[in-house]
Amino acid sequence: MAPGPYERVLETLEDLDARLAGLEVGYNETNASAAREHVDQLGDFFENDPEDFVALREAVERLVETEDSTHAATAKEHADALRDRVEAQLDDE
């Protein structure tokens, strides 16, 4: 059975979390580009839940633009909040 939308989002958030963890250690263009792509992939799913998603997108954009890994921790906090929300929605089903 193919994973549903919640499972796909959780997989994307897990990979994003790993990329952000790597970026917390130090800036890396490969991880930064992948993080930006993951955020773009999540956009449709979170279009009706903009607060944490917009904050995540902004933190990742600041990270990429400034190449400053300190923004990774902020992005990770917002990604974790989104993951918690998705997991709660799965639990409710």
PDB file of N, CA and C in Angstrom:
ATOM      1  N   MET A   1       0.844  -1.183   0.000  1.00  0.00           N
ATOM      2  CA  MET A   1       0.000   0.000   0.000  1.00  0.00           C
ATOM      3  C   MET A   1       0.888   1.245   0.000  1.00  0.00           C
ATOM      4  N   ALA A   2       0.558   2.191  -0.856  1.00  0.00           N
ATOM      5  CA  ALA A   2       1.325   3.433  -0.961  1.00  0.00           C
ATOM      6  C   ALA A   2       1.055   4.315   0.255  1.00  0.00           C
ATOM      7  N   PRO A   3       2.071   5.046   0.684  1.00  0.00           N
ATOM      8  CA  PRO A   3       1.856   5.933   1.830  1.00  0.00           C
ATOM      9  C   PRO A   3       0.866   7.046   1.470  1.00  0.00           C
ATOM     10  N   GLY A   4       0.064   7.438   2.470  1.00  0.00           N
ATOM     11  CA  GLY A   4      -0.892   8.513   2.276  1.00  0.00           C
ATOM     12  C   GLY A   4      -0.215   9.871   2.414  1.00  0.00           C
ATOM     13  N   PRO A   5      -1.002  10.941   2.273  1.00  0.00           N
ATOM     14  CA  PRO A   5      -0.413  12.283   2.323  1.00  0.00           C
ATOM     15  C   PRO A   5       0.257  12.592   3.661  1.00  0.00           C
ATOM     16  N   TYR A   6      -0.324  12.139   4.762  1.00  0.00           N
ATOM     17  CA  TYR A   6       0.288  12.414   6.063  1.00  0.00           C
ATOM     18  C   TYR A   6       1.646  11.726   6.181  1.00  0.00           C
ATOM     19  N   GLU A   7       1.697  10.483   5.724  1.00  0.00           N
ATOM     20  CA  GLU A   7       2.954   9.727   5.811  1.00  0.00           C
ATOM     21  C   GLU A   7       4.029  10.361   4.941  1.00  0.00           C
ATOM     22  N   ARG A   8       3.642  10.808   3.724  1.00  0.00           N
ATOM     23  CA  ARG A   8       4.609  11.458   2.827  1.00  0.00           C
ATOM     24  C   ARG A   8       5.121  12.755   3.450  1.00  0.00           C
ATOM     25  N   VAL A   9       4.234  13.506   4.070  1.00  0.00           N
ATOM     26  CA  VAL A   9       4.648  14.749   4.717  1.00  0.00           C
ATOM     27  C   VAL A   9       5.595  14.450   5.874  1.00  0.00           C
ATOM     28  N   LEU A  10       5.275  13.421   6.652  1.00  0.00           N
ATOM     29  CA  LEU A  10       6.166  13.057   7.766  1.00  0.00           C
ATOM     30  C   LEU A  10       7.535  12.621   7.260  1.00  0.00           C
ATOM     31  N   GLU A  11       7.583  11.897   6.150  1.00  0.00           N
ATOM     32  CA  GLU A  11       8.871  11.504   5.573  1.00  0.00           C
ATOM     33  C   GLU A  11       9.658  12.728   5.126  1.00  0.00           C
ATOM     34  N   THR A  12       8.975  13.678   4.503  1.00  0.00           N
ATOM     35  CA  THR A  12       9.636  14.903   4.058  1.00  0.00           C
ATOM     36  C   THR A  12      10.137  15.695   5.263  1.00  0.00           C
ATOM     37  N   LEU A  13       9.325  15.768   6.312  1.00  0.00           N
ATOM     38  CA  LEU A  13       9.741  16.478   7.521  1.00  0.00           C
ATOM     39  C   LEU A  13      10.918  15.786   8.201  1.00  0.00           C
ATOM     40  N   GLU A  14      10.959  14.457   8.169  1.00  0.00           N
ATOM     41  CA  GLU A  14      12.092  13.732   8.749  1.00  0.00           C
ATOM     42  C   GLU A  14      13.378  14.046   7.996  1.00  0.00           C
ATOM     43  N   ASP A  15      13.307  14.049   6.662  1.00  0.00           N
ATOM     44  CA  ASP A  15      14.496  14.364   5.883  1.00  0.00           C
ATOM     45  C   ASP A  15      14.900  15.821   6.090  1.00  0.00           C
ATOM     46  N   LEU A  16      13.912  16.705   6.140  1.00  0.00           N
ATOM     47  CA  LEU A  16      14.202  18.115   6.410  1.00  0.00           C
ATOM     48  C   LEU A  16      14.884  18.264   7.758  1.00  0.00           C
ATOM     49  N   ASP A  17      14.395  17.551   8.762  1.00  0.00           N
ATOM     50  CA  ASP A  17      14.980  17.597  10.097  1.00  0.00           C
ATOM     51  C   ASP A  17      16.453  17.172  10.060  1.00  0.00           C
ATOM     52  N   ALA A  18      16.744  16.121   9.306  1.00  0.00           N
ATOM     53  CA  ALA A  18      18.133  15.660   9.189  1.00  0.00           C
ATOM     54  C   ALA A  18      18.996  16.707   8.496  1.00  0.00           C
ATOM     55  N   ARG A  19      18.476  17.330   7.453  1.00  0.00           N
ATOM     56  CA  ARG A  19      19.226  18.387   6.747  1.00  0.00           C
ATOM     57  C   ARG A  19      19.485  19.566   7.683  1.00  0.00           C
ATOM     58  N   LEU A  20      18.460  19.960   8.446  1.00  0.00           N
ATOM     59  CA  LEU A  20      18.619  21.093   9.363  1.00  0.00           C
ATOM     60  C   LEU A  20      19.593  20.763  10.484  1.00  0.00           C
ATOM     61  N   ALA A  21      19.571  19.522  10.963  1.00  0.00           N
ATOM     62  CA  ALA A  21      20.530  19.111  11.994  1.00  0.00           C
ATOM     63  C   ALA A  21      21.955  19.239  11.462  1.00  0.00           C
ATOM     64  N   GLY A  22      22.163  18.831  10.222  1.00  0.00           N
ATOM     65  CA  GLY A  22      23.477  18.987   9.610  1.00  0.00           C
ATOM     66  C   GLY A  22      23.858  20.448   9.461  1.00  0.00           C
ATOM     67  N   LEU A  23      22.888  21.272   9.140  1.00  0.00           N
ATOM     68  CA  LEU A  23      23.145  22.705   8.978  1.00  0.00           C
ATOM     69  C   LEU A  23      23.415  23.398  10.311  1.00  0.00           C
ATOM     70  N   GLU A  24      22.888  22.841  11.398  1.00  0.00           N
ATOM     71  CA  GLU A  24      23.188  23.406  12.719  1.00  0.00           C
ATOM     72  C   GLU A  24      24.675  23.278  13.032  1.00  0.00           C
ATOM     73  N   VAL A  25      25.292  22.215  12.532  1.00  0.00           N
ATOM     74  CA  VAL A  25      26.713  21.974  12.761  1.00  0.00           C
ATOM     75  C   VAL A  25      27.552  22.934  11.920  1.00  0.00           C
ATOM     76  N   GLY A  26      27.092  23.204  10.703  1.00  0.00           N
ATOM     77  CA  GLY A  26      27.810  24.121   9.824  1.00  0.00           C
ATOM     78  C   GLY A  26      27.101  24.223   8.491  1.00  0.00           C
ATOM     79  N   TYR A  27      27.262  25.360   7.845  1.00  0.00           N
ATOM     80  CA  TYR A  27      26.580  25.587   6.574  1.00  0.00           C
ATOM     81  C   TYR A  27      27.140  24.669   5.505  1.00  0.00           C
ATOM     82  N   ASN A  28      26.227  24.095   4.709  1.00  0.00           N
ATOM     83  CA  ASN A  28      26.588  23.198   3.625  1.00  0.00           C
ATOM     84  C   ASN A  28      25.589  23.448   2.505  1.00  0.00           C
ATOM     85  N   GLU A  29      26.075  23.789   1.322  1.00  0.00           N
ATOM     86  CA  GLU A  29      25.208  24.137   0.195  1.00  0.00           C
ATOM     87  C   GLU A  29      24.247  23.003  -0.174  1.00  0.00           C
ATOM     88  N   THR A  30      24.715  21.765  -0.138  1.00  0.00           N
ATOM     89  CA  THR A  30      23.860  20.624  -0.486  1.00  0.00           C
ATOM     90  C   THR A  30      22.688  20.502   0.479  1.00  0.00           C
ATOM     91  N   ASN A  31      22.965  20.573   1.775  1.00  0.00           N
ATOM     92  CA  ASN A  31      21.892  20.495   2.771  1.00  0.00           C
ATOM     93  C   ASN A  31      20.960  21.697   2.685  1.00  0.00           C
ATOM     94  N   ALA A  32      21.519  22.862   2.440  1.00  0.00           N
ATOM     95  CA  ALA A  32      20.695  24.067   2.352  1.00  0.00           C
ATOM     96  C   ALA A  32      19.756  23.994   1.155  1.00  0.00           C
ATOM     97  N   SER A  33      20.252  23.558   0.016  1.00  0.00           N
ATOM     98  CA  SER A  33      19.401  23.424  -1.173  1.00  0.00           C
ATOM     99  C   SER A  33      18.322  22.369  -0.959  1.00  0.00           C
ATOM    100  N   ALA A  34      18.695  21.252  -0.339  1.00  0.00           N
ATOM    101  CA  ALA A  34      17.714  20.199  -0.063  1.00  0.00           C
ATOM    102  C   ALA A  34      16.655  20.692   0.916  1.00  0.00           C
ATOM    103  N   ALA A  35      17.060  21.446   1.933  1.00  0.00           N
ATOM    104  CA  ALA A  35      16.096  21.990   2.895  1.00  0.00           C
ATOM    105  C   ALA A  35      15.103  22.901   2.196  1.00  0.00           C
ATOM    106  N   ARG A  36      15.599  23.743   1.318  1.00  0.00           N
ATOM    107  CA  ARG A  36      14.722  24.656   0.571  1.00  0.00           C
ATOM    108  C   ARG A  36      13.741  23.853  -0.290  1.00  0.00           C
ATOM    109  N   GLU A  37      14.211  22.795  -0.955  1.00  0.00           N
ATOM    110  CA  GLU A  37      13.339  21.958  -1.784  1.00  0.00           C
ATOM    111  C   GLU A  37      12.270  21.270  -0.945  1.00  0.00           C
ATOM    112  N   HIS A  38      12.648  20.783   0.231  1.00  0.00           N
ATOM    113  CA  HIS A  38      11.677  20.125   1.104  1.00  0.00           C
ATOM    114  C   HIS A  38      10.597  21.106   1.550  1.00  0.00           C
ATOM    115  N   VAL A  39      10.992  22.310   1.871  1.00  0.00           N
ATOM    116  CA  VAL A  39      10.005  23.325   2.274  1.00  0.00           C
ATOM    117  C   VAL A  39       9.055  23.599   1.114  1.00  0.00           C
ATOM    118  N   ASP A  40       9.586  23.687  -0.091  1.00  0.00           N
ATOM    119  CA  ASP A  40       8.720  23.893  -1.253  1.00  0.00           C
ATOM    120  C   ASP A  40       7.729  22.743  -1.415  1.00  0.00           C
ATOM    121  N   GLN A  41       8.182  21.511  -1.195  1.00  0.00           N
ATOM    122  CA  GLN A  41       7.304  20.348  -1.304  1.00  0.00           C
ATOM    123  C   GLN A  41       6.187  20.377  -0.259  1.00  0.00           C
ATOM    124  N   LEU A  42       6.473  20.937   0.891  1.00  0.00           N
ATOM    125  CA  LEU A  42       5.487  20.973   1.979  1.00  0.00           C
ATOM    126  C   LEU A  42       4.453  22.078   1.814  1.00  0.00           C
ATOM    127  N   GLY A  43       4.719  23.015   0.933  1.00  0.00           N
ATOM    128  CA  GLY A  43       3.857  24.184   0.769  1.00  0.00           C
ATOM    129  C   GLY A  43       2.393  23.872   0.538  1.00  0.00           C
ATOM    130  N   ASP A  44       2.100  22.945  -0.360  1.00  0.00           N
ATOM    131  CA  ASP A  44       0.701  22.614  -0.660  1.00  0.00           C
ATOM    132  C   ASP A  44      -0.007  22.010   0.544  1.00  0.00           C
ATOM    133  N   PHE A  45       0.689  21.156   1.269  1.00  0.00           N
ATOM    134  CA  PHE A  45       0.066  20.485   2.399  1.00  0.00           C
ATOM    135  C   PHE A  45      -0.300  21.475   3.506  1.00  0.00           C
ATOM    136  N   PHE A  46       0.559  22.470   3.724  1.00  0.00           N
ATOM    137  CA  PHE A  46       0.344  23.398   4.835  1.00  0.00           C
ATOM    138  C   PHE A  46      -0.242  24.736   4.408  1.00  0.00           C
ATOM    139  N   GLU A  47      -0.817  24.807   3.219  1.00  0.00           N
ATOM    140  CA  GLU A  47      -1.344  26.085   2.745  1.00  0.00           C
ATOM    141  C   GLU A  47      -2.457  26.641   3.641  1.00  0.00           C
ATOM    142  N   ASN A  48      -3.158  25.788   4.369  1.00  0.00           N
ATOM    143  CA  ASN A  48      -4.216  26.245   5.269  1.00  0.00           C
ATOM    144  C   ASN A  48      -3.751  26.367   6.716  1.00  0.00           C
ATOM    145  N   ASP A  49      -2.481  26.163   6.953  1.00  0.00           N
ATOM    146  CA  ASP A  49      -1.920  26.211   8.303  1.00  0.00           C
ATOM    147  C   ASP A  49      -0.633  27.036   8.245  1.00  0.00           C
ATOM    148  N   PRO A  50      -0.778  28.320   7.951  1.00  0.00           N
ATOM    149  CA  PRO A  50       0.389  29.089   7.551  1.00  0.00           C
ATOM    150  C   PRO A  50       1.365  29.516   8.651  1.00  0.00           C
ATOM    151  N   GLU A  51       0.972  29.608   9.889  1.00  0.00           N
ATOM    152  CA  GLU A  51       1.828  30.242  10.896  1.00  0.00           C
ATOM    153  C   GLU A  51       3.201  29.584  11.023  1.00  0.00           C
ATOM    154  N   ASP A  52       3.252  28.325  11.410  1.00  0.00           N
ATOM    155  CA  ASP A  52       4.550  27.661  11.542  1.00  0.00           C
ATOM    156  C   ASP A  52       5.201  27.424  10.187  1.00  0.00           C
ATOM    157  N   PHE A  53       4.392  27.169   9.160  1.00  0.00           N
ATOM    158  CA  PHE A  53       4.978  26.936   7.848  1.00  0.00           C
ATOM    159  C   PHE A  53       5.647  28.197   7.312  1.00  0.00           C
ATOM    160  N   VAL A  54       4.986  29.327   7.430  1.00  0.00           N
ATOM    161  CA  VAL A  54       5.580  30.592   6.963  1.00  0.00           C
ATOM    162  C   VAL A  54       6.861  30.873   7.743  1.00  0.00           C
ATOM    163  N   ALA A  55       6.841  30.644   9.046  1.00  0.00           N
ATOM    164  CA  ALA A  55       8.041  30.860   9.858  1.00  0.00           C
ATOM    165  C   ALA A  55       9.164  29.908   9.437  1.00  0.00           C
ATOM    166  N   LEU A  56       8.811  28.653   9.121  1.00  0.00           N
ATOM    167  CA  LEU A  56       9.798  27.686   8.639  1.00  0.00           C
ATOM    168  C   LEU A  56      10.394  28.166   7.320  1.00  0.00           C
ATOM    169  N   ARG A  57       9.542  28.542   6.391  1.00  0.00           N
ATOM    170  CA  ARG A  57      10.014  29.009   5.077  1.00  0.00           C
ATOM    171  C   ARG A  57      10.943  30.217   5.243  1.00  0.00           C
ATOM    172  N   GLU A  58      10.554  31.163   6.080  1.00  0.00           N
ATOM    173  CA  GLU A  58      11.377  32.359   6.281  1.00  0.00           C
ATOM    174  C   GLU A  58      12.731  32.011   6.895  1.00  0.00           C
ATOM    175  N   ALA A  59      12.746  31.100   7.867  1.00  0.00           N
ATOM    176  CA  ALA A  59      14.004  30.714   8.508  1.00  0.00           C
ATOM    177  C   ALA A  59      14.930  30.011   7.515  1.00  0.00           C
ATOM    178  N   VAL A  60      14.365  29.145   6.676  1.00  0.00           N
ATOM    179  CA  VAL A  60      15.184  28.448   5.680  1.00  0.00           C
ATOM    180  C   VAL A  60      15.703  29.443   4.639  1.00  0.00           C
ATOM    181  N   GLU A  61      14.862  30.378   4.228  1.00  0.00           N
ATOM    182  CA  GLU A  61      15.321  31.392   3.265  1.00  0.00           C
ATOM    183  C   GLU A  61      16.451  32.241   3.855  1.00  0.00           C
ATOM    184  N   ARG A  62      16.318  32.646   5.122  1.00  0.00           N
ATOM    185  CA  ARG A  62      17.402  33.412   5.771  1.00  0.00           C
ATOM    186  C   ARG A  62      18.677  32.575   5.838  1.00  0.00           C
ATOM    187  N   LEU A  63      18.510  31.306   6.146  1.00  0.00           N
ATOM    188  CA  LEU A  63      19.645  30.389   6.217  1.00  0.00           C
ATOM    189  C   LEU A  63      20.372  30.328   4.873  1.00  0.00           C
ATOM    190  N   VAL A  64      19.618  30.149   3.801  1.00  0.00           N
ATOM    191  CA  VAL A  64      20.213  30.026   2.472  1.00  0.00           C
ATOM    192  C   VAL A  64      20.831  31.356   2.028  1.00  0.00           C
ATOM    193  N   GLU A  65      20.110  32.446   2.231  1.00  0.00           N
ATOM    194  CA  GLU A  65      20.588  33.754   1.776  1.00  0.00           C
ATOM    195  C   GLU A  65      21.838  34.210   2.519  1.00  0.00           C
ATOM    196  N   THR A  66      21.875  33.972   3.818  1.00  0.00           N
ATOM    197  CA  THR A  66      22.998  34.468   4.618  1.00  0.00           C
ATOM    198  C   THR A  66      24.101  33.426   4.808  1.00  0.00           C
ATOM    199  N   GLU A  67      23.807  32.179   4.470  1.00  0.00           N
ATOM    200  CA  GLU A  67      24.729  31.063   4.716  1.00  0.00           C
ATOM    201  C   GLU A  67      25.150  31.017   6.189  1.00  0.00           C
ATOM    202  N   ASP A  68      24.202  31.388   7.049  1.00  0.00           N
ATOM    203  CA  ASP A  68      24.431  31.447   8.497  1.00  0.00           C
ATOM    204  C   ASP A  68      23.667  30.301   9.151  1.00  0.00           C
ATOM    205  N   SER A  69      24.406  29.324   9.667  1.00  0.00           N
ATOM    206  CA  SER A  69      23.784  28.115  10.203  1.00  0.00           C
ATOM    207  C   SER A  69      23.000  28.350  11.486  1.00  0.00           C
ATOM    208  N   THR A  70      23.097  29.538  12.080  1.00  0.00           N
ATOM    209  CA  THR A  70      22.318  29.795  13.295  1.00  0.00           C
ATOM    210  C   THR A  70      20.811  29.792  13.011  1.00  0.00           C
ATOM    211  N   HIS A  71      20.425  30.021  11.757  1.00  0.00           N
ATOM    212  CA  HIS A  71      19.001  30.009  11.404  1.00  0.00           C
ATOM    213  C   HIS A  71      18.442  28.589  11.343  1.00  0.00           C
ATOM    214  N   ALA A  72      19.315  27.593  11.299  1.00  0.00           N
ATOM    215  CA  ALA A  72      18.860  26.204  11.219  1.00  0.00           C
ATOM    216  C   ALA A  72      18.090  25.796  12.468  1.00  0.00           C
ATOM    217  N   ALA A  73      18.514  26.261  13.638  1.00  0.00           N
ATOM    218  CA  ALA A  73      17.821  25.900  14.880  1.00  0.00           C
ATOM    219  C   ALA A  73      16.396  26.446  14.881  1.00  0.00           C
ATOM    220  N   THR A  74      16.211  27.663  14.412  1.00  0.00           N
ATOM    221  CA  THR A  74      14.877  28.254  14.336  1.00  0.00           C
ATOM    222  C   THR A  74      14.010  27.474  13.349  1.00  0.00           C
ATOM    223  N   ALA A  75      14.579  27.159  12.203  1.00  0.00           N
ATOM    224  CA  ALA A  75      13.835  26.388  11.209  1.00  0.00           C
ATOM    225  C   ALA A  75      13.449  25.029  11.774  1.00  0.00           C
ATOM    226  N   LYS A  76      14.358  24.410  12.491  1.00  0.00           N
ATOM    227  CA  LYS A  76      14.106  23.082  13.075  1.00  0.00           C
ATOM    228  C   LYS A  76      12.947  23.140  14.081  1.00  0.00           C
ATOM    229  N   GLU A  77      12.884  24.190  14.879  1.00  0.00           N
ATOM    230  CA  GLU A  77      11.777  24.340  15.839  1.00  0.00           C
ATOM    231  C   GLU A  77      10.434  24.374  15.119  1.00  0.00           C
ATOM    232  N   HIS A  78      10.358  25.119  14.025  1.00  0.00           N
ATOM    233  CA  HIS A  78       9.101  25.225  13.279  1.00  0.00           C
ATOM    234  C   HIS A  78       8.771  23.917  12.564  1.00  0.00           C
ATOM    235  N   ALA A  79       9.793  23.250  12.033  1.00  0.00           N
ATOM    236  CA  ALA A  79       9.566  21.953  11.386  1.00  0.00           C
ATOM    237  C   ALA A  79       9.065  20.934  12.409  1.00  0.00           C
ATOM    238  N   ASP A  80       9.630  20.966  13.614  1.00  0.00           N
ATOM    239  CA  ASP A  80       9.181  20.053  14.671  1.00  0.00           C
ATOM    240  C   ASP A  80       7.730  20.329  15.067  1.00  0.00           C
ATOM    241  N   ALA A  81       7.352  21.597  15.121  1.00  0.00           N
ATOM    242  CA  ALA A  81       5.964  21.949  15.453  1.00  0.00           C
ATOM    243  C   ALA A  81       5.016  21.433  14.377  1.00  0.00           C
ATOM    244  N   LEU A  82       5.415  21.543  13.110  1.00  0.00           N
ATOM    245  CA  LEU A  82       4.585  21.021  12.024  1.00  0.00           C
ATOM    246  C   LEU A  82       4.488  19.503  12.095  1.00  0.00           C
ATOM    247  N   ARG A  83       5.590  18.828  12.386  1.00  0.00           N
ATOM    248  CA  ARG A  83       5.585  17.376  12.517  1.00  0.00           C
ATOM    249  C   ARG A  83       4.636  16.947  13.641  1.00  0.00           C
ATOM    250  N   ASP A  84       4.710  17.652  14.771  1.00  0.00           N
ATOM    251  CA  ASP A  84       3.826  17.327  15.893  1.00  0.00           C
ATOM    252  C   ASP A  84       2.357  17.463  15.494  1.00  0.00           C
ATOM    253  N   ARG A  85       2.042  18.480  14.709  1.00  0.00           N
ATOM    254  CA  ARG A  85       0.662  18.679  14.258  1.00  0.00           C
ATOM    255  C   ARG A  85       0.195  17.557  13.351  1.00  0.00           C
ATOM    256  N   VAL A  86       1.070  17.157  12.425  1.00  0.00           N
ATOM    257  CA  VAL A  86       0.709  16.077  11.505  1.00  0.00           C
ATOM    258  C   VAL A  86       0.523  14.774  12.271  1.00  0.00           C
ATOM    259  N   GLU A  87       1.419  14.496  13.202  1.00  0.00           N
ATOM    260  CA  GLU A  87       1.293  13.271  14.007  1.00  0.00           C
ATOM    261  C   GLU A  87       0.003  13.283  14.822  1.00  0.00           C
ATOM    262  N   ALA A  88      -0.382  14.431  15.352  1.00  0.00           N
ATOM    263  CA  ALA A  88      -1.628  14.538  16.098  1.00  0.00           C
ATOM    264  C   ALA A  88      -2.827  14.281  15.193  1.00  0.00           C
ATOM    265  N   GLN A  89      -2.769  14.774  13.966  1.00  0.00           N
ATOM    266  CA  GLN A  89      -3.861  14.542  13.014  1.00  0.00           C
ATOM    267  C   GLN A  89      -3.963  13.055  12.681  1.00  0.00           C
ATOM    268  N   LEU A  90      -2.817  12.401  12.538  1.00  0.00           N
ATOM    269  CA  LEU A  90      -2.823  10.955  12.271  1.00  0.00           C
ATOM    270  C   LEU A  90      -3.421  10.195  13.434  1.00  0.00           C
ATOM    271  N   ASP A  91      -3.075  10.591  14.651  1.00  0.00           N
ATOM    272  CA  ASP A  91      -3.602   9.931  15.845  1.00  0.00           C
ATOM    273  C   ASP A  91      -5.110  10.083  15.957  1.00  0.00           C
ATOM    274  N   ASP A  92      -5.640  11.211  15.481  1.00  0.00           N
ATOM    275  CA  ASP A  92      -7.069  11.474  15.566  1.00  0.00           C
ATOM    276  C   ASP A  92      -7.879  10.667  14.537  1.00  0.00           C
ATOM    277  N   GLU A  93      -7.209  10.158  13.523  1.00  0.00           N
ATOM    278  CA  GLU A  93      -7.933   9.414  12.485  1.00  0.00           C
ATOM    279  C   GLU A  93      -8.167   7.983  12.859  1.00  0.00           C
TER     280      GLU A  93
END
